[in-house]
Amino acid sequence: MAGCAPARIVATGGGVRDRGWIQALADCMGVPVTRASVPEGAALRMAWVARMAAGLESSLDDAAGWFRHGRAVYPDESWARACARRYQQFCELRAAGGPFEARG
């Protein structure tokens, strides 16, 4: 609906510790999900931005060393198809002005 199609997702935060959650995200979005190797990766990046604001760093490019990613988790095609069907049902219900409940 946004008019763009992601090629991959980079996930950070506590959820990256749960392989099942990452797998579900990949299945629902239909693209690989790369996990941050350190769940706090986004917070570390923002700490670098704060250092830049304080005049302690001069380039955002130097923050790349603070973020490392793990292996990508790829969508399971059978689950991805099921998610796509459910999403289509949701879109149809929303367009019809009906309740947001699954059919079938």
Foldseek 3Di string as FASTA:
>chain_A
DPPDQDQEAEAAAPCLVPVVVLQLVQLLNVHKYWYWPHRCLVVQLVVVVVCVVVVNDPDSVVSVVSTDIDDIHHHDPVSSVVNVVQVVQQVVCVVVVHDRDGDD
